[in-house]
Amino acid sequence: MLYLDQPAMAGFSLAGDPQKGVRDQFTGQITLNTTAPLGNWTSREGLFANQDPQATVITTDLSARAVTAFLELWFRKFNAYKRDSVHIWSQS
């Protein structure tokens, strides 16, 4: 069984190195390379994925292409797992 957390920057996957930053709990906005203002209870510091939209897929079509490219490379590297059929399940 192979688990694939996709697209990058969704779930537990990150694109690139995680960066320190602050997330506003009300708006959801993430600001990288900063700290929460003293006494501000609505902001939380943490590690976040790169916020560059070019670093991840943003449509179902691009997501399908990314998974297809990954599986082709993976089966090429791990040929012993190549089968006549592949079953795919997803959770959103």
PDB file of N, CA and C in Angstrom:
ATOM      1  N   MET A   1       0.851  -1.163   0.000  1.00  0.00           N
ATOM      2  CA  MET A   1       0.000   0.000   0.000  1.00  0.00           C
ATOM      3  C   MET A   1       0.902   1.233   0.000  1.00  0.00           C
ATOM      4  N   LEU A   2       0.596   2.156  -0.858  1.00  0.00           N
ATOM      5  CA  LEU A   2       1.364   3.392  -0.987  1.00  0.00           C
ATOM      6  C   LEU A   2       0.460   4.569  -0.652  1.00  0.00           C
ATOM      7  N   TYR A   3       0.859   5.377   0.318  1.00  0.00           N
ATOM      8  CA  TYR A   3       0.110   6.574   0.687  1.00  0.00           C
ATOM      9  C   TYR A   3       0.768   7.777   0.019  1.00  0.00           C
ATOM     10  N   LEU A   4      -0.034   8.597  -0.626  1.00  0.00           N
ATOM     11  CA  LEU A   4       0.470   9.777  -1.315  1.00  0.00           C
ATOM     12  C   LEU A   4      -0.312  10.988  -0.835  1.00  0.00           C
ATOM     13  N   ASP A   5       0.365  11.878  -0.148  1.00  0.00           N
ATOM     14  CA  ASP A   5      -0.246  13.105   0.358  1.00  0.00           C
ATOM     15  C   ASP A   5      -0.046  14.172  -0.706  1.00  0.00           C
ATOM     16  N   GLN A   6      -1.100  14.536  -1.378  1.00  0.00           N
ATOM     17  CA  GLN A   6      -0.955  15.361  -2.567  1.00  0.00           C
ATOM     18  C   GLN A   6      -2.145  16.301  -2.695  1.00  0.00           C
ATOM     19  N   PRO A   7      -2.056  17.501  -3.176  1.00  0.00           N
ATOM     20  CA  PRO A   7      -0.861  18.133  -3.727  1.00  0.00           C
ATOM     21  C   PRO A   7       0.052  18.650  -2.622  1.00  0.00           C
ATOM     22  N   ALA A   8       1.254  19.015  -3.007  1.00  0.00           N
ATOM     23  CA  ALA A   8       2.187  19.579  -2.037  1.00  0.00           C
ATOM     24  C   ALA A   8       1.553  20.803  -1.391  1.00  0.00           C
ATOM     25  N   MET A   9       1.829  20.990  -0.125  1.00  0.00           N
ATOM     26  CA  MET A   9       1.306  22.069   0.709  1.00  0.00           C
ATOM     27  C   MET A   9      -0.123  21.796   1.167  1.00  0.00           C
ATOM     28  N   ALA A  10      -0.578  20.555   1.007  1.00  0.00           N
ATOM     29  CA  ALA A  10      -1.883  20.156   1.546  1.00  0.00           C
ATOM     30  C   ALA A  10      -1.628  19.019   2.532  1.00  0.00           C
ATOM     31  N   GLY A  11      -2.491  18.868   3.508  1.00  0.00           N
ATOM     32  CA  GLY A  11      -2.283  17.806   4.482  1.00  0.00           C
ATOM     33  C   GLY A  11      -0.982  18.016   5.232  1.00  0.00           C
ATOM     34  N   PHE A  12      -0.160  16.983   5.269  1.00  0.00           N
ATOM     35  CA  PHE A  12       1.099  17.062   5.996  1.00  0.00           C
ATOM     36  C   PHE A  12       2.300  17.285   5.084  1.00  0.00           C
ATOM     37  N   SER A  13       2.067  17.508   3.794  1.00  0.00           N
ATOM     38  CA  SER A  13       3.194  17.673   2.879  1.00  0.00           C
ATOM     39  C   SER A  13       3.606  19.136   2.773  1.00  0.00           C
ATOM     40  N   LEU A  14       4.877  19.345   2.521  1.00  0.00           N
ATOM     41  CA  LEU A  14       5.426  20.683   2.382  1.00  0.00           C
ATOM     42  C   LEU A  14       6.153  20.795   1.054  1.00  0.00           C
ATOM     43  N   ALA A  15       6.169  21.977   0.485  1.00  0.00           N
ATOM     44  CA  ALA A  15       6.956  22.246  -0.713  1.00  0.00           C
ATOM     45  C   ALA A  15       8.187  23.010  -0.279  1.00  0.00           C
ATOM     46  N   GLY A  16       9.325  22.371  -0.303  1.00  0.00           N
ATOM     47  CA  GLY A  16      10.540  23.036   0.157  1.00  0.00           C
ATOM     48  C   GLY A  16      10.669  22.964   1.666  1.00  0.00           C
ATOM     49  N   ASP A  17      11.570  23.753   2.187  1.00  0.00           N
ATOM     50  CA  ASP A  17      11.816  23.770   3.628  1.00  0.00           C
ATOM     51  C   ASP A  17      10.737  24.574   4.343  1.00  0.00           C
ATOM     52  N   PRO A  18      10.251  24.078   5.485  1.00  0.00           N
ATOM     53  CA  PRO A  18       9.291  24.865   6.249  1.00  0.00           C
ATOM     54  C   PRO A  18       9.921  26.168   6.731  1.00  0.00           C
ATOM     55  N   GLN A  19       9.097  27.202   6.811  1.00  0.00           N
ATOM     56  CA  GLN A  19       9.587  28.518   7.212  1.00  0.00           C
ATOM     57  C   GLN A  19       8.826  29.002   8.438  1.00  0.00           C
ATOM     58  N   LYS A  20       9.535  29.738   9.309  1.00  0.00           N
ATOM     59  CA  LYS A  20       8.876  30.318  10.478  1.00  0.00           C
ATOM     60  C   LYS A  20       7.955  31.445  10.030  1.00  0.00           C
ATOM     61  N   GLY A  21       6.845  31.567  10.719  1.00  0.00           N
ATOM     62  CA  GLY A  21       5.919  32.635  10.392  1.00  0.00           C
ATOM     63  C   GLY A  21       4.796  32.730  11.392  1.00  0.00           C
ATOM     64  N   VAL A  22       3.781  33.505  11.049  1.00  0.00           N
ATOM     65  CA  VAL A  22       2.636  33.757  11.924  1.00  0.00           C
ATOM     66  C   VAL A  22       1.353  33.553  11.124  1.00  0.00           C
ATOM     67  N   ARG A  23       0.381  32.875  11.730  1.00  0.00           N
ATOM     68  CA  ARG A  23      -0.938  32.694  11.113  1.00  0.00           C
ATOM     69  C   ARG A  23      -1.964  33.454  11.929  1.00  0.00           C
ATOM     70  N   ASP A  24      -2.708  34.324  11.258  1.00  0.00           N
ATOM     71  CA  ASP A  24      -3.806  35.050  11.898  1.00  0.00           C
ATOM     72  C   ASP A  24      -4.980  34.083  12.031  1.00  0.00           C
ATOM     73  N   GLN A  25      -5.437  33.838  13.249  1.00  0.00           N
ATOM     74  CA  GLN A  25      -6.484  32.858  13.502  1.00  0.00           C
ATOM     75  C   GLN A  25      -7.844  33.262  12.941  1.00  0.00           C
ATOM     76  N   PHE A  26      -8.069  34.544  12.718  1.00  0.00           N
ATOM     77  CA  PHE A  26      -9.355  34.998  12.190  1.00  0.00           C
ATOM     78  C   PHE A  26      -9.395  34.978  10.673  1.00  0.00           C
ATOM     79  N   THR A  27      -8.345  35.455  10.035  1.00  0.00           N
ATOM     80  CA  THR A  27      -8.348  35.568   8.574  1.00  0.00           C
ATOM     81  C   THR A  27      -7.710  34.371   7.880  1.00  0.00           C
ATOM     82  N   GLY A  28      -6.877  33.618   8.616  1.00  0.00           N
ATOM     83  CA  GLY A  28      -6.154  32.507   8.017  1.00  0.00           C
ATOM     84  C   GLY A  28      -4.913  32.937   7.258  1.00  0.00           C
ATOM     85  N   GLN A  29      -4.647  34.241   7.216  1.00  0.00           N
ATOM     86  CA  GLN A  29      -3.491  34.752   6.493  1.00  0.00           C
ATOM     87  C   GLN A  29      -2.200  34.339   7.187  1.00  0.00           C
ATOM     88  N   ILE A  30      -1.236  33.893   6.376  1.00  0.00           N
ATOM     89  CA  ILE A  30       0.069  33.488   6.885  1.00  0.00           C
ATOM     90  C   ILE A  30       1.105  34.497   6.423  1.00  0.00           C
ATOM     91  N   THR A  31       1.892  35.004   7.370  1.00  0.00           N
ATOM     92  CA  THR A  31       2.985  35.924   7.061  1.00  0.00           C
ATOM     93  C   THR A  31       4.278  35.246   7.474  1.00  0.00           C
ATOM     94  N   LEU A  32       5.156  35.038   6.509  1.00  0.00           N
ATOM     95  CA  LEU A  32       6.409  34.345   6.785  1.00  0.00           C
ATOM     96  C   LEU A  32       7.467  35.291   7.314  1.00  0.00           C
ATOM     97  N   ASN A  33       8.449  34.712   7.992  1.00  0.00           N
ATOM     98  CA  ASN A  33       9.625  35.433   8.490  1.00  0.00           C
ATOM     99  C   ASN A  33       9.265  36.602   9.402  1.00  0.00           C
ATOM    100  N   THR A  34       8.326  36.365  10.291  1.00  0.00           N
ATOM    101  CA  THR A  34       7.931  37.390  11.256  1.00  0.00           C
ATOM    102  C   THR A  34       7.546  36.704  12.565  1.00  0.00           C
ATOM    103  N   THR A  35       7.332  37.473  13.596  1.00  0.00           N
ATOM    104  CA  THR A  35       6.874  36.939  14.878  1.00  0.00           C
ATOM    105  C   THR A  35       5.573  37.620  15.256  1.00  0.00           C
ATOM    106  N   ALA A  36       4.807  36.966  16.114  1.00  0.00           N
ATOM    107  CA  ALA A  36       3.532  37.529  16.557  1.00  0.00           C
ATOM    108  C   ALA A  36       3.787  38.717  17.472  1.00  0.00           C
ATOM    109  N   PRO A  37       3.014  39.779  17.310  1.00  0.00           N
ATOM    110  CA  PRO A  37       3.159  40.936  18.203  1.00  0.00           C
ATOM    111  C   PRO A  37       2.874  40.527  19.649  1.00  0.00           C
ATOM    112  N   LEU A  38       3.605  41.105  20.571  1.00  0.00           N
ATOM    113  CA  LEU A  38       3.424  40.823  21.992  1.00  0.00           C
ATOM    114  C   LEU A  38       1.992  41.140  22.414  1.00  0.00           C
ATOM    115  N   GLY A  39       1.364  40.240  23.123  1.00  0.00           N
ATOM    116  CA  GLY A  39       0.009  40.466  23.613  1.00  0.00           C
ATOM    117  C   GLY A  39      -1.073  40.193  22.583  1.00  0.00           C
ATOM    118  N   ASN A  40      -0.711  39.762  21.389  1.00  0.00           N
ATOM    119  CA  ASN A  40      -1.697  39.455  20.352  1.00  0.00           C
ATOM    120  C   ASN A  40      -2.122  38.000  20.502  1.00  0.00           C
ATOM    121  N   TRP A  41      -3.366  37.799  20.910  1.00  0.00           N
ATOM    122  CA  TRP A  41      -3.859  36.448  21.168  1.00  0.00           C
ATOM    123  C   TRP A  41      -4.494  35.813  19.937  1.00  0.00           C
ATOM    124  N   THR A  42      -4.589  36.545  18.839  1.00  0.00           N
ATOM    125  CA  THR A  42      -5.234  35.996  17.640  1.00  0.00           C
ATOM    126  C   THR A  42      -4.225  35.490  16.612  1.00  0.00           C
ATOM    127  N   SER A  43      -2.945  35.639  16.887  1.00  0.00           N
ATOM    128  CA  SER A  43      -1.908  35.169  15.965  1.00  0.00           C
ATOM    129  C   SER A  43      -1.121  34.036  16.604  1.00  0.00           C
ATOM    130  N   ARG A  44      -0.769  33.050  15.786  1.00  0.00           N
ATOM    131  CA  ARG A  44       0.005  31.916  16.274  1.00  0.00           C
ATOM    132  C   ARG A  44       1.266  31.748  15.440  1.00  0.00           C
ATOM    133  N   GLU A  45       2.400  31.635  16.111  1.00  0.00           N
ATOM    134  CA  GLU A  45       3.660  31.381  15.427  1.00  0.00           C
ATOM    135  C   GLU A  45       3.776  29.888  15.123  1.00  0.00           C
ATOM    136  N   GLY A  46       4.469  29.571  14.046  1.00  0.00           N
ATOM    137  CA  GLY A  46       4.664  28.171  13.705  1.00  0.00           C
ATOM    138  C   GLY A  46       5.553  28.012  12.491  1.00  0.00           C
ATOM    139  N   LEU A  47       5.647  26.775  12.001  1.00  0.00           N
ATOM    140  CA  LEU A  47       6.365  26.463  10.774  1.00  0.00           C
ATOM    141  C   LEU A  47       5.347  26.256   9.673  1.00  0.00           C
ATOM    142  N   PHE A  48       5.579  26.876   8.531  1.00  0.00           N
ATOM    143  CA  PHE A  48       4.616  26.832   7.444  1.00  0.00           C
ATOM    144  C   PHE A  48       5.302  26.469   6.134  1.00  0.00           C
ATOM    145  N   ALA A  49       4.517  25.922   5.223  1.00  0.00           N
ATOM    146  CA  ALA A  49       5.019  25.627   3.884  1.00  0.00           C
ATOM    147  C   ALA A  49       5.241  26.929   3.129  1.00  0.00           C
ATOM    148  N   ASN A  50       6.045  26.856   2.110  1.00  0.00           N
ATOM    149  CA  ASN A  50       6.252  27.980   1.205  1.00  0.00           C
ATOM    150  C   ASN A  50       4.884  28.454   0.710  1.00  0.00           C
ATOM    151  N   GLN A  51       4.634  29.739   0.725  1.00  0.00           N
ATOM    152  CA  GLN A  51       3.330  30.274   0.318  1.00  0.00           C
ATOM    153  C   GLN A  51       3.273  30.642  -1.166  1.00  0.00           C
ATOM    154  N   ASP A  52       4.272  30.229  -1.931  1.00  0.00           N
ATOM    155  CA  ASP A  52       4.329  30.518  -3.361  1.00  0.00           C
ATOM    156  C   ASP A  52       3.347  29.624  -4.108  1.00  0.00           C
ATOM    157  N   PRO A  53       2.333  30.195  -4.791  1.00  0.00           N
ATOM    158  CA  PRO A  53       1.370  29.362  -5.519  1.00  0.00           C
ATOM    159  C   PRO A  53       2.006  28.571  -6.651  1.00  0.00           C
ATOM    160  N   GLN A  54       3.201  28.973  -7.103  1.00  0.00           N
ATOM    161  CA  GLN A  54       3.894  28.225  -8.157  1.00  0.00           C
ATOM    162  C   GLN A  54       4.502  26.922  -7.624  1.00  0.00           C
ATOM    163  N   ALA A  55       4.550  26.762  -6.298  1.00  0.00           N
ATOM    164  CA  ALA A  55       5.179  25.594  -5.691  1.00  0.00           C
ATOM    165  C   ALA A  55       4.208  24.435  -5.514  1.00  0.00           C
ATOM    166  N   THR A  56       2.972  24.587  -5.930  1.00  0.00           N
ATOM    167  CA  THR A  56       1.996  23.513  -5.761  1.00  0.00           C
ATOM    168  C   THR A  56       0.995  23.550  -6.913  1.00  0.00           C
ATOM    169  N   VAL A  57       0.188  22.511  -7.011  1.00  0.00           N
ATOM    170  CA  VAL A  57      -0.843  22.482  -8.042  1.00  0.00           C
ATOM    171  C   VAL A  57      -2.104  23.134  -7.501  1.00  0.00           C
ATOM    172  N   ILE A  58      -2.869  23.773  -8.388  1.00  0.00           N
ATOM    173  CA  ILE A  58      -4.062  24.493  -7.934  1.00  0.00           C
ATOM    174  C   ILE A  58      -5.328  24.054  -8.642  1.00  0.00           C
ATOM    175  N   THR A  59      -5.237  23.040  -9.519  1.00  0.00           N
ATOM    176  CA  THR A  59      -6.435  22.529 -10.187  1.00  0.00           C
ATOM    177  C   THR A  59      -6.434  21.008 -10.150  1.00  0.00           C
ATOM    178  N   THR A  60      -7.591  20.411 -10.356  1.00  0.00           N
ATOM    179  CA  THR A  60      -7.696  18.959 -10.394  1.00  0.00           C
ATOM    180  C   THR A  60      -6.886  18.388 -11.553  1.00  0.00           C
ATOM    181  N   ASP A  61      -6.908  19.070 -12.692  1.00  0.00           N
ATOM    182  CA  ASP A  61      -6.161  18.604 -13.858  1.00  0.00           C
ATOM    183  C   ASP A  61      -4.662  18.558 -13.569  1.00  0.00           C
ATOM    184  N   LEU A  62      -4.129  19.628 -12.978  1.00  0.00           N
ATOM    185  CA  LEU A  62      -2.710  19.647 -12.636  1.00  0.00           C
ATOM    186  C   LEU A  62      -2.380  18.597 -11.572  1.00  0.00           C
ATOM    187  N   SER A  63      -3.302  18.405 -10.642  1.00  0.00           N
ATOM    188  CA  SER A  63      -3.103  17.405  -9.604  1.00  0.00           C
ATOM    189  C   SER A  63      -3.024  16.003 -10.219  1.00  0.00           C
ATOM    190  N   ALA A  64      -3.914  15.698 -11.146  1.00  0.00           N
ATOM    191  CA  ALA A  64      -3.902  14.389 -11.815  1.00  0.00           C
ATOM    192  C   ALA A  64      -2.603  14.186 -12.584  1.00  0.00           C
ATOM    193  N   ARG A  65      -2.136  15.225 -13.249  1.00  0.00           N
ATOM    194  CA  ARG A  65      -0.874  15.117 -13.993  1.00  0.00           C
ATOM    195  C   ARG A  65       0.308  14.880 -13.049  1.00  0.00           C
ATOM    196  N   ALA A  66       0.287  15.551 -11.911  1.00  0.00           N
ATOM    197  CA  ALA A  66       1.373  15.378 -10.939  1.00  0.00           C
ATOM    198  C   ALA A  66       1.396  13.955 -10.393  1.00  0.00           C
ATOM    199  N   VAL A  67       0.223  13.404 -10.086  1.00  0.00           N
ATOM    200  CA  VAL A  67       0.153  12.034  -9.569  1.00  0.00           C
ATOM    201  C   VAL A  67       0.598  11.045 -10.642  1.00  0.00           C
ATOM    202  N   THR A  68       0.159  11.256 -11.867  1.00  0.00           N
ATOM    203  CA  THR A  68       0.558  10.369 -12.968  1.00  0.00           C
ATOM    204  C   THR A  68       2.067  10.375 -13.154  1.00  0.00           C
ATOM    205  N   ALA A  69       2.669  11.569 -13.155  1.00  0.00           N
ATOM    206  CA  ALA A  69       4.121  11.673 -13.309  1.00  0.00           C
ATOM    207  C   ALA A  69       4.836  10.980 -12.148  1.00  0.00           C
ATOM    208  N   PHE A  70       4.330  11.178 -10.925  1.00  0.00           N
ATOM    209  CA  PHE A  70       4.935  10.528  -9.762  1.00  0.00           C
ATOM    210  C   PHE A  70       4.870   9.014  -9.888  1.00  0.00           C
ATOM    211  N   LEU A  71       3.683   8.484 -10.224  1.00  0.00           N
ATOM    212  CA  LEU A  71       3.529   7.026 -10.307  1.00  0.00           C
ATOM    213  C   LEU A  71       4.403   6.429 -11.397  1.00  0.00           C
ATOM    214  N   GLU A  72       4.520   7.108 -12.527  1.00  0.00           N
ATOM    215  CA  GLU A  72       5.389   6.610 -13.589  1.00  0.00           C
ATOM    216  C   GLU A  72       6.831   6.504 -13.108  1.00  0.00           C
ATOM    217  N   LEU A  73       7.307   7.539 -12.426  1.00  0.00           N
ATOM    218  CA  LEU A  73       8.677   7.506 -11.885  1.00  0.00           C
ATOM    219  C   LEU A  73       8.825   6.449 -10.793  1.00  0.00           C
ATOM    220  N   TRP A  74       7.835   6.348  -9.930  1.00  0.00           N
ATOM    221  CA  TRP A  74       7.892   5.403  -8.812  1.00  0.00           C
ATOM    222  C   TRP A  74       7.928   3.970  -9.321  1.00  0.00           C
ATOM    223  N   PHE A  75       7.053   3.637 -10.299  1.00  0.00           N
ATOM    224  CA  PHE A  75       7.038   2.278 -10.833  1.00  0.00           C
ATOM    225  C   PHE A  75       8.313   1.971 -11.621  1.00  0.00           C
ATOM    226  N   ARG A  76       8.911   2.972 -12.223  1.00  0.00           N
ATOM    227  CA  ARG A  76      10.178   2.774 -12.913  1.00  0.00           C
ATOM    228  C   ARG A  76      11.279   2.436 -11.904  1.00  0.00           C
ATOM    229  N   LYS A  77      11.264   3.126 -10.768  1.00  0.00           N
ATOM    230  CA  LYS A  77      12.278   2.900  -9.727  1.00  0.00           C
ATOM    231  C   LYS A  77      12.034   1.587  -8.983  1.00  0.00           C
ATOM    232  N   PHE A  78      10.761   1.281  -8.691  1.00  0.00           N
ATOM    233  CA  PHE A  78      10.391   0.080  -7.936  1.00  0.00           C
ATOM    234  C   PHE A  78       9.580  -0.848  -8.831  1.00  0.00           C
ATOM    235  N   ASN A  79      10.242  -1.384  -9.823  1.00  0.00           N
ATOM    236  CA  ASN A  79       9.596  -2.211 -10.845  1.00  0.00           C
ATOM    237  C   ASN A  79       8.907  -3.450 -10.270  1.00  0.00           C
ATOM    238  N   ALA A  80       9.362  -3.938  -9.120  1.00  0.00           N
ATOM    239  CA  ALA A  80       8.772  -5.123  -8.509  1.00  0.00           C
ATOM    240  C   ALA A  80       7.306  -4.904  -8.130  1.00  0.00           C
ATOM    241  N   TYR A  81       6.906  -3.653  -7.960  1.00  0.00           N
ATOM    242  CA  TYR A  81       5.523  -3.355  -7.573  1.00  0.00           C
ATOM    243  C   TYR A  81       4.611  -3.103  -8.769  1.00  0.00           C
ATOM    244  N   LYS A  82       5.177  -3.129  -9.958  1.00  0.00           N
ATOM    245  CA  LYS A  82       4.372  -2.861 -11.157  1.00  0.00           C
ATOM    246  C   LYS A  82       3.403  -4.026 -11.372  1.00  0.00           C
ATOM    247  N   ARG A  83       2.153  -3.692 -11.566  1.00  0.00           N
ATOM    248  CA  ARG A  83       1.095  -4.692 -11.753  1.00  0.00           C
ATOM    249  C   ARG A  83       0.309  -4.352 -13.014  1.00  0.00           C
ATOM    250  N   ASP A  84      -0.588  -5.273 -13.382  1.00  0.00           N
ATOM    251  CA  ASP A  84      -1.452  -5.029 -14.538  1.00  0.00           C
ATOM    252  C   ASP A  84      -2.498  -3.960 -14.235  1.00  0.00           C
ATOM    253  N   SER A  85      -2.852  -3.814 -12.960  1.00  0.00           N
ATOM    254  CA  SER A  85      -3.854  -2.808 -12.598  1.00  0.00           C
ATOM    255  C   SER A  85      -3.439  -2.100 -11.305  1.00  0.00           C
ATOM    256  N   VAL A  86      -3.907  -0.889 -11.181  1.00  0.00           N
ATOM    257  CA  VAL A  86      -3.650  -0.081  -9.991  1.00  0.00           C
ATOM    258  C   VAL A  86      -5.002   0.414  -9.491  1.00  0.00           C
ATOM    259  N   HIS A  87      -5.223   0.321  -8.199  1.00  0.00           N
ATOM    260  CA  HIS A  87      -6.462   0.800  -7.606  1.00  0.00           C
ATOM    261  C   HIS A  87      -6.158   2.056  -6.815  1.00  0.00           C
ATOM    262  N   ILE A  88      -6.924   3.108  -7.074  1.00  0.00           N
ATOM    263  CA  ILE A  88      -6.682   4.400  -6.434  1.00  0.00           C
ATOM    264  C   ILE A  88      -7.911   4.792  -5.628  1.00  0.00           C
ATOM    265  N   TRP A  89      -7.691   5.177  -4.371  1.00  0.00           N
ATOM    266  CA  TRP A  89      -8.729   5.727  -3.515  1.00  0.00           C
ATOM    267  C   TRP A  89      -8.295   7.120  -3.117  1.00  0.00           C
ATOM    268  N   SER A  90      -9.260   7.952  -2.833  1.00  0.00           N
ATOM    269  CA  SER A  90      -8.895   9.302  -2.402  1.00  0.00           C
ATOM    270  C   SER A  90      -9.778   9.738  -1.243  1.00  0.00           C
ATOM    271  N   GLN A  91      -9.267  10.702  -0.522  1.00  0.00           N
ATOM    272  CA  GLN A  91     -10.002  11.295   0.593  1.00  0.00           C
ATOM    273  C   GLN A  91      -9.787  12.789   0.508  1.00  0.00           C
ATOM    274  N   SER A  92     -10.862  13.534   0.556  1.00  0.00           N
ATOM    275  CA  SER A  92     -10.733  14.978   0.454  1.00  0.00           C
ATOM    276  C   SER A  92     -11.069  15.621   1.771  1.00  0.00           C
TER     277      SER A  92
END
